[in-house]
Amino acid sequence: MNPDIQKKILQFEAFINGVLKADLAKLEEKLDSKNTDIAEFLQLKNIITTFQSSDFNKKDFKTQVDIGNNFYVEAHVQDVSNILLDVGLGHYVEFSLEEALVIINVRIKLFEKQIAHIRKQIARTNAHIKLILIGIRDLQGLQ
């Protein structure tokens, strides 16, 4: 085989392994993060709808709160008619349950759009990898 062709094949393989697969790993990590975010908002939405639909005492509520690494503390909530939502950059805003549901639905739609965009990027990167592999195969003269 021609040494120039062999050199090009090695460059293409290095590009696939060094760049495209690294990009693919980053995109999959982003996708996992967005899926985790959307799952948290769906869980919060379910909790809020449970609060709204049930007839328990809304002025005195006890629960357990995860403070990290599956360590829980008992929490006493005096009023569940309002909720604090993280609006970004570590800032929290107090909303009524109805307002919170509107914000949560907007955030869920935003995450769904971001997930769709990331999936397109993943598909594009996979297509680039496949295209380069086909080019390598053609350079090697394989069928």
N, C-alpha and C. Protein backbone atom coordinates (compact mmCIF):
# COMPACT_ATOMS: atom_id res chain seq x y z
N MET A 1 0.85 -1.18 0.00
CA MET A 1 0.00 0.00 0.00
C MET A 1 0.89 1.24 0.00
N ASN A 2 0.45 2.24 -0.67
CA ASN A 2 1.17 3.50 -0.79
C ASN A 2 1.36 4.12 0.60
N PRO A 3 2.59 4.56 0.92
CA PRO A 3 2.82 5.17 2.24
C PRO A 3 2.01 6.43 2.49
N ASP A 4 1.74 7.20 1.43
CA ASP A 4 0.92 8.40 1.60
C ASP A 4 -0.51 8.04 2.00
N ILE A 5 -1.02 6.99 1.38
CA ILE A 5 -2.38 6.53 1.72
C ILE A 5 -2.41 6.01 3.15
N GLN A 6 -1.38 5.25 3.53
CA GLN A 6 -1.30 4.73 4.90
C GLN A 6 -1.24 5.88 5.91
N LYS A 7 -0.51 6.93 5.57
CA LYS A 7 -0.40 8.10 6.45
C LYS A 7 -1.76 8.79 6.60
N LYS A 8 -2.47 8.94 5.48
CA LYS A 8 -3.81 9.55 5.52
C LYS A 8 -4.78 8.72 6.36
N ILE A 9 -4.71 7.41 6.20
CA ILE A 9 -5.58 6.52 6.98
C ILE A 9 -5.32 6.70 8.47
N LEU A 10 -4.05 6.78 8.85
CA LEU A 10 -3.71 6.98 10.26
C LEU A 10 -4.22 8.33 10.77
N GLN A 11 -4.15 9.36 9.92
CA GLN A 11 -4.65 10.68 10.31
C GLN A 11 -6.17 10.64 10.50
N PHE A 12 -6.86 9.97 9.59
CA PHE A 12 -8.32 9.85 9.72
C PHE A 12 -8.70 9.09 10.98
N GLU A 13 -7.98 8.00 11.27
CA GLU A 13 -8.27 7.22 12.48
C GLU A 13 -7.99 8.04 13.74
N ALA A 14 -6.92 8.82 13.71
CA ALA A 14 -6.60 9.68 14.86
C ALA A 14 -7.68 10.74 15.04
N PHE A 15 -8.19 11.27 13.93
CA PHE A 15 -9.25 12.28 14.02
C PHE A 15 -10.53 11.67 14.61
N ILE A 16 -10.87 10.46 14.17
CA ILE A 16 -12.06 9.80 14.71
C ILE A 16 -11.90 9.57 16.21
N ASN A 17 -10.77 8.97 16.59
CA ASN A 17 -10.57 8.61 18.00
C ASN A 17 -10.30 9.81 18.89
N GLY A 18 -9.60 10.79 18.36
CA GLY A 18 -9.23 11.93 19.19
C GLY A 18 -10.26 13.03 19.26
N VAL A 19 -10.97 13.27 18.16
CA VAL A 19 -11.87 14.41 18.11
C VAL A 19 -13.33 13.98 18.13
N LEU A 20 -13.71 13.19 17.14
CA LEU A 20 -15.14 12.88 16.99
C LEU A 20 -15.68 12.05 18.16
N LYS A 21 -14.93 11.07 18.60
CA LYS A 21 -15.42 10.25 19.72
C LYS A 21 -15.43 11.05 21.03
N ALA A 22 -14.49 11.98 21.18
CA ALA A 22 -14.50 12.85 22.36
C ALA A 22 -15.72 13.78 22.32
N ASP A 23 -16.00 14.32 21.13
CA ASP A 23 -17.19 15.17 20.97
C ASP A 23 -18.46 14.38 21.27
N LEU A 24 -18.49 13.15 20.79
CA LEU A 24 -19.65 12.29 21.02
C LEU A 24 -19.84 12.01 22.51
N ALA A 25 -18.75 11.78 23.23
CA ALA A 25 -18.85 11.53 24.67
C ALA A 25 -19.37 12.77 25.40
N LYS A 26 -18.91 13.95 25.00
CA LYS A 26 -19.39 15.19 25.62
C LYS A 26 -20.87 15.40 25.36
N LEU A 27 -21.30 15.12 24.13
CA LEU A 27 -22.71 15.27 23.79
C LEU A 27 -23.58 14.29 24.57
N GLU A 28 -23.12 13.08 24.73
CA GLU A 28 -23.88 12.09 25.50
C GLU A 28 -23.96 12.48 26.97
N GLU A 29 -22.88 13.09 27.48
CA GLU A 29 -22.89 13.58 28.86
C GLU A 29 -23.91 14.72 29.01
N LYS A 30 -23.95 15.63 28.03
CA LYS A 30 -24.94 16.71 28.04
C LYS A 30 -26.36 16.16 28.00
N LEU A 31 -26.56 15.15 27.16
CA LEU A 31 -27.87 14.53 27.02
C LEU A 31 -28.30 13.90 28.35
N ASP A 32 -27.40 13.21 29.02
CA ASP A 32 -27.72 12.62 30.32
C ASP A 32 -28.09 13.70 31.34
N SER A 33 -27.34 14.81 31.32
CA SER A 33 -27.62 15.90 32.24
C SER A 33 -29.00 16.50 31.99
N LYS A 34 -29.34 16.73 30.73
CA LYS A 34 -30.66 17.30 30.40
C LYS A 34 -31.77 16.33 30.75
N ASN A 35 -31.54 15.03 30.54
CA ASN A 35 -32.55 14.04 30.91
C ASN A 35 -32.75 14.01 32.43
N THR A 36 -31.68 14.18 33.18
CA THR A 36 -31.79 14.25 34.64
C THR A 36 -32.57 15.49 35.06
N ASP A 37 -32.28 16.62 34.42
CA ASP A 37 -33.00 17.85 34.72
C ASP A 37 -34.49 17.71 34.45
N ILE A 38 -34.84 17.14 33.32
CA ILE A 38 -36.25 17.00 32.96
C ILE A 38 -36.94 16.03 33.92
N ALA A 39 -36.23 14.99 34.36
CA ALA A 39 -36.82 14.04 35.31
C ALA A 39 -37.10 14.73 36.65
N GLU A 40 -36.20 15.61 37.09
CA GLU A 40 -36.41 16.34 38.33
C GLU A 40 -37.62 17.26 38.24
N PHE A 41 -37.76 17.95 37.11
CA PHE A 41 -38.91 18.83 36.94
C PHE A 41 -40.21 18.05 36.83
N LEU A 42 -40.18 16.89 36.19
CA LEU A 42 -41.39 16.06 36.14
C LEU A 42 -41.78 15.56 37.53
N GLN A 43 -40.78 15.21 38.32
CA GLN A 43 -41.05 14.78 39.70
C GLN A 43 -41.64 15.94 40.50
N LEU A 44 -41.09 17.12 40.36
CA LEU A 44 -41.61 18.30 41.05
C LEU A 44 -43.04 18.60 40.61
N LYS A 45 -43.31 18.47 39.33
CA LYS A 45 -44.65 18.69 38.80
C LYS A 45 -45.64 17.70 39.41
N ASN A 46 -45.23 16.46 39.53
CA ASN A 46 -46.09 15.44 40.15
C ASN A 46 -46.36 15.75 41.62
N ILE A 47 -45.35 16.23 42.32
CA ILE A 47 -45.53 16.58 43.74
C ILE A 47 -46.51 17.74 43.87
N ILE A 48 -46.36 18.75 43.02
CA ILE A 48 -47.25 19.91 43.09
C ILE A 48 -48.68 19.51 42.78
N THR A 49 -48.87 18.69 41.75
CA THR A 49 -50.23 18.27 41.42
C THR A 49 -50.81 17.41 42.54
N THR A 50 -49.99 16.65 43.23
CA THR A 50 -50.45 15.88 44.38
C THR A 50 -50.88 16.81 45.50
N PHE A 51 -50.08 17.85 45.75
CA PHE A 51 -50.46 18.84 46.76
C PHE A 51 -51.80 19.48 46.42
N GLN A 52 -51.98 19.84 45.16
CA GLN A 52 -53.20 20.53 44.76
C GLN A 52 -54.43 19.61 44.79
N SER A 53 -54.25 18.36 44.47
CA SER A 53 -55.41 17.47 44.36
C SER A 53 -55.79 16.80 45.67
N SER A 54 -54.88 16.71 46.60
CA SER A 54 -55.20 16.02 47.87
C SER A 54 -55.80 17.00 48.88
N ASP A 55 -56.47 16.45 49.86
CA ASP A 55 -57.15 17.27 50.87
C ASP A 55 -56.45 17.23 52.22
N PHE A 56 -55.14 17.03 52.22
CA PHE A 56 -54.46 17.01 53.51
C PHE A 56 -54.30 18.43 54.04
N ASN A 57 -53.88 18.53 55.27
CA ASN A 57 -53.72 19.82 55.93
C ASN A 57 -52.55 20.57 55.28
N LYS A 58 -52.85 21.63 54.54
CA LYS A 58 -51.81 22.35 53.80
C LYS A 58 -51.06 23.36 54.66
N LYS A 59 -51.39 23.45 55.91
CA LYS A 59 -50.71 24.42 56.78
C LYS A 59 -49.65 23.76 57.65
N ASP A 60 -49.62 22.45 57.70
CA ASP A 60 -48.65 21.77 58.57
C ASP A 60 -48.27 20.46 57.91
N PHE A 61 -47.06 20.37 57.42
CA PHE A 61 -46.65 19.24 56.62
C PHE A 61 -45.26 18.80 57.04
N LYS A 62 -45.07 17.49 57.24
CA LYS A 62 -43.76 16.95 57.58
C LYS A 62 -43.28 16.08 56.44
N THR A 63 -42.00 16.17 56.16
CA THR A 63 -41.41 15.38 55.08
C THR A 63 -39.95 15.12 55.39
N GLN A 64 -39.32 14.32 54.55
CA GLN A 64 -37.88 14.12 54.65
C GLN A 64 -37.24 14.71 53.42
N VAL A 65 -36.12 15.42 53.63
CA VAL A 65 -35.43 16.11 52.56
C VAL A 65 -34.03 15.53 52.42
N ASP A 66 -33.66 15.21 51.17
CA ASP A 66 -32.32 14.70 50.88
C ASP A 66 -31.35 15.88 50.90
N ILE A 67 -30.37 15.83 51.80
CA ILE A 67 -29.39 16.92 51.89
C ILE A 67 -28.09 16.55 51.17
N GLY A 68 -28.12 15.44 50.46
CA GLY A 68 -26.96 15.01 49.68
C GLY A 68 -26.48 13.64 50.08
N ASN A 69 -26.02 12.88 49.10
CA ASN A 69 -25.50 11.53 49.32
C ASN A 69 -26.48 10.64 50.06
N ASN A 70 -27.76 10.80 49.78
CA ASN A 70 -28.83 10.01 50.38
C ASN A 70 -28.88 10.14 51.90
N PHE A 71 -28.53 11.31 52.42
CA PHE A 71 -28.72 11.62 53.84
C PHE A 71 -29.98 12.48 53.93
N TYR A 72 -30.90 12.07 54.78
CA TYR A 72 -32.19 12.74 54.88
C TYR A 72 -32.36 13.36 56.26
N VAL A 73 -33.02 14.51 56.28
CA VAL A 73 -33.41 15.14 57.53
C VAL A 73 -34.91 15.37 57.48
N GLU A 74 -35.52 15.36 58.63
CA GLU A 74 -36.95 15.62 58.68
C GLU A 74 -37.18 17.12 58.60
N ALA A 75 -38.12 17.50 57.76
CA ALA A 75 -38.43 18.91 57.57
C ALA A 75 -39.88 19.15 57.95
N HIS A 76 -40.12 20.30 58.54
CA HIS A 76 -41.46 20.71 58.93
C HIS A 76 -41.83 21.94 58.10
N VAL A 77 -42.82 21.79 57.22
CA VAL A 77 -43.24 22.88 56.34
C VAL A 77 -44.53 23.45 56.90
N GLN A 78 -44.53 24.72 57.17
CA GLN A 78 -45.71 25.34 57.78
C GLN A 78 -46.76 25.72 56.74
N ASP A 79 -46.32 26.06 55.51
CA ASP A 79 -47.27 26.49 54.49
C ASP A 79 -46.79 25.99 53.14
N VAL A 80 -47.59 25.13 52.49
CA VAL A 80 -47.19 24.57 51.19
C VAL A 80 -47.92 25.25 50.04
N SER A 81 -48.48 26.41 50.29
CA SER A 81 -49.19 27.10 49.21
C SER A 81 -48.22 27.82 48.27
N ASN A 82 -46.97 28.02 48.69
CA ASN A 82 -45.95 28.65 47.87
C ASN A 82 -44.73 27.74 47.80
N ILE A 83 -43.94 27.93 46.74
CA ILE A 83 -42.76 27.10 46.54
C ILE A 83 -41.63 27.97 45.99
N LEU A 84 -40.40 27.62 46.33
CA LEU A 84 -39.24 28.32 45.80
C LEU A 84 -38.69 27.51 44.62
N LEU A 85 -38.50 28.18 43.49
CA LEU A 85 -37.94 27.53 42.30
C LEU A 85 -36.61 28.18 41.94
N ASP A 86 -35.66 27.34 41.57
CA ASP A 86 -34.37 27.82 41.08
C ASP A 86 -34.58 28.35 39.67
N VAL A 87 -34.36 29.65 39.47
CA VAL A 87 -34.55 30.25 38.15
C VAL A 87 -33.22 30.42 37.42
N GLY A 88 -32.16 29.91 37.98
CA GLY A 88 -30.86 29.96 37.34
C GLY A 88 -29.85 30.78 38.12
N LEU A 89 -28.60 30.43 37.93
CA LEU A 89 -27.48 31.12 38.58
C LEU A 89 -27.61 31.15 40.10
N GLY A 90 -28.27 30.14 40.67
CA GLY A 90 -28.41 30.05 42.11
C GLY A 90 -29.45 30.97 42.71
N HIS A 91 -30.29 31.57 41.90
CA HIS A 91 -31.33 32.46 42.40
C HIS A 91 -32.66 31.71 42.48
N TYR A 92 -33.36 31.92 43.58
CA TYR A 92 -34.64 31.27 43.81
C TYR A 92 -35.73 32.33 43.89
N VAL A 93 -36.88 32.01 43.32
CA VAL A 93 -38.02 32.91 43.33
C VAL A 93 -39.21 32.15 43.91
N GLU A 94 -39.97 32.84 44.74
CA GLU A 94 -41.14 32.22 45.35
C GLU A 94 -42.33 32.35 44.41
N PHE A 95 -43.02 31.22 44.18
CA PHE A 95 -44.19 31.17 43.32
C PHE A 95 -45.32 30.46 44.04
N SER A 96 -46.53 30.78 43.65
CA SER A 96 -47.65 29.96 44.11
C SER A 96 -47.58 28.64 43.36
N LEU A 97 -48.33 27.65 43.80
CA LEU A 97 -48.27 26.35 43.15
C LEU A 97 -48.72 26.43 41.69
N GLU A 98 -49.74 27.26 41.41
CA GLU A 98 -50.23 27.39 40.04
C GLU A 98 -49.17 28.06 39.15
N GLU A 99 -48.53 29.12 39.67
CA GLU A 99 -47.49 29.80 38.91
C GLU A 99 -46.30 28.87 38.69
N ALA A 100 -45.98 28.08 39.70
CA ALA A 100 -44.86 27.16 39.59
C ALA A 100 -45.11 26.12 38.50
N LEU A 101 -46.35 25.65 38.39
CA LEU A 101 -46.66 24.68 37.34
C LEU A 101 -46.46 25.27 35.95
N VAL A 102 -46.82 26.54 35.79
CA VAL A 102 -46.62 27.20 34.49
C VAL A 102 -45.12 27.27 34.17
N ILE A 103 -44.33 27.69 35.15
CA ILE A 103 -42.88 27.80 34.95
C ILE A 103 -42.28 26.43 34.68
N ILE A 104 -42.72 25.42 35.42
CA ILE A 104 -42.20 24.07 35.24
C ILE A 104 -42.52 23.55 33.84
N ASN A 105 -43.73 23.78 33.37
CA ASN A 105 -44.09 23.33 32.02
C ASN A 105 -43.25 24.01 30.96
N VAL A 106 -42.97 25.29 31.15
CA VAL A 106 -42.11 26.02 30.20
C VAL A 106 -40.70 25.43 30.22
N ARG A 107 -40.18 25.17 31.41
CA ARG A 107 -38.83 24.61 31.53
C ARG A 107 -38.75 23.22 30.91
N ILE A 108 -39.80 22.41 31.11
CA ILE A 108 -39.81 21.07 30.53
C ILE A 108 -39.79 21.15 29.01
N LYS A 109 -40.58 22.06 28.43
CA LYS A 109 -40.57 22.23 26.97
C LYS A 109 -39.19 22.68 26.48
N LEU A 110 -38.56 23.57 27.24
CA LEU A 110 -37.22 24.03 26.88
C LEU A 110 -36.23 22.87 26.90
N PHE A 111 -36.28 22.06 27.94
CA PHE A 111 -35.39 20.90 28.03
C PHE A 111 -35.65 19.92 26.90
N GLU A 112 -36.91 19.73 26.52
CA GLU A 112 -37.23 18.82 25.43
C GLU A 112 -36.64 19.32 24.11
N LYS A 113 -36.68 20.64 23.89
CA LYS A 113 -36.07 21.21 22.68
C LYS A 113 -34.56 21.03 22.71
N GLN A 114 -33.96 21.27 23.87
CA GLN A 114 -32.51 21.10 24.00
C GLN A 114 -32.11 19.65 23.77
N ILE A 115 -32.91 18.72 24.29
CA ILE A 115 -32.62 17.29 24.11
C ILE A 115 -32.72 16.92 22.63
N ALA A 116 -33.73 17.43 21.94
CA ALA A 116 -33.87 17.15 20.51
C ALA A 116 -32.67 17.68 19.74
N HIS A 117 -32.20 18.88 20.10
CA HIS A 117 -31.03 19.47 19.43
C HIS A 117 -29.77 18.63 19.70
N ILE A 118 -29.59 18.19 20.92
CA ILE A 118 -28.42 17.37 21.26
C ILE A 118 -28.48 16.04 20.52
N ARG A 119 -29.66 15.46 20.42
CA ARG A 119 -29.79 14.19 19.68
C ARG A 119 -29.44 14.38 18.20
N LYS A 120 -29.80 15.52 17.62
CA LYS A 120 -29.42 15.80 16.24
C LYS A 120 -27.90 15.91 16.11
N GLN A 121 -27.27 16.57 17.08
CA GLN A 121 -25.82 16.70 17.06
C GLN A 121 -25.14 15.33 17.19
N ILE A 122 -25.70 14.47 18.04
CA ILE A 122 -25.15 13.12 18.20
C ILE A 122 -25.29 12.34 16.89
N ALA A 123 -26.44 12.44 16.25
CA ALA A 123 -26.65 11.75 14.98
C ALA A 123 -25.69 12.27 13.92
N ARG A 124 -25.46 13.58 13.89
CA ARG A 124 -24.54 14.18 12.93
C ARG A 124 -23.11 13.69 13.17
N THR A 125 -22.71 13.64 14.43
CA THR A 125 -21.36 13.16 14.75
C THR A 125 -21.20 11.69 14.39
N ASN A 126 -22.21 10.89 14.67
CA ASN A 126 -22.16 9.48 14.28
C ASN A 126 -22.07 9.33 12.77
N ALA A 127 -22.78 10.18 12.04
CA ALA A 127 -22.72 10.15 10.58
C ALA A 127 -21.33 10.52 10.09
N HIS A 128 -20.70 11.50 10.72
CA HIS A 128 -19.34 11.88 10.33
C HIS A 128 -18.37 10.72 10.56
N ILE A 129 -18.52 10.05 11.70
CA ILE A 129 -17.66 8.90 11.99
C ILE A 129 -17.85 7.82 10.94
N LYS A 130 -19.10 7.51 10.63
CA LYS A 130 -19.38 6.47 9.64
C LYS A 130 -18.84 6.86 8.26
N LEU A 131 -18.99 8.12 7.88
CA LEU A 131 -18.51 8.59 6.59
C LEU A 131 -16.99 8.46 6.50
N ILE A 132 -16.30 8.81 7.54
CA ILE A 132 -14.84 8.71 7.52
C ILE A 132 -14.42 7.23 7.48
N LEU A 133 -15.13 6.39 8.21
CA LEU A 133 -14.80 4.95 8.18
C LEU A 133 -15.02 4.37 6.79
N ILE A 134 -16.06 4.83 6.10
CA ILE A 134 -16.29 4.39 4.72
C ILE A 134 -15.15 4.88 3.83
N GLY A 135 -14.71 6.11 4.04
CA GLY A 135 -13.58 6.65 3.27
C GLY A 135 -12.30 5.85 3.53
N ILE A 136 -12.07 5.47 4.77
CA ILE A 136 -10.89 4.66 5.11
C ILE A 136 -10.97 3.32 4.40
N ARG A 137 -12.15 2.73 4.43
CA ARG A 137 -12.33 1.43 3.77
C ARG A 137 -12.06 1.55 2.27
N ASP A 138 -12.54 2.62 1.68
CA ASP A 138 -12.30 2.83 0.26
C ASP A 138 -10.80 3.04 -0.03
N LEU A 139 -10.13 3.78 0.84
CA LEU A 139 -8.69 3.98 0.65
C LEU A 139 -7.91 2.68 0.75
N GLN A 140 -8.37 1.78 1.61
CA GLN A 140 -7.71 0.51 1.78
C GLN A 140 -8.06 -0.46 0.66
N GLY A 141 -9.06 -0.12 -0.13
CA GLY A 141 -9.46 -0.98 -1.24
C GLY A 141 -10.33 -2.14 -0.82
N LEU A 142 -10.98 -2.03 0.36
CA LEU A 142 -11.85 -3.11 0.85
C LEU A 142 -13.26 -2.89 0.35
N GLN A 143 -14.02 -3.94 0.26
CA GLN A 143 -15.42 -3.84 -0.16
C GLN A 143 -16.34 -3.89 1.05
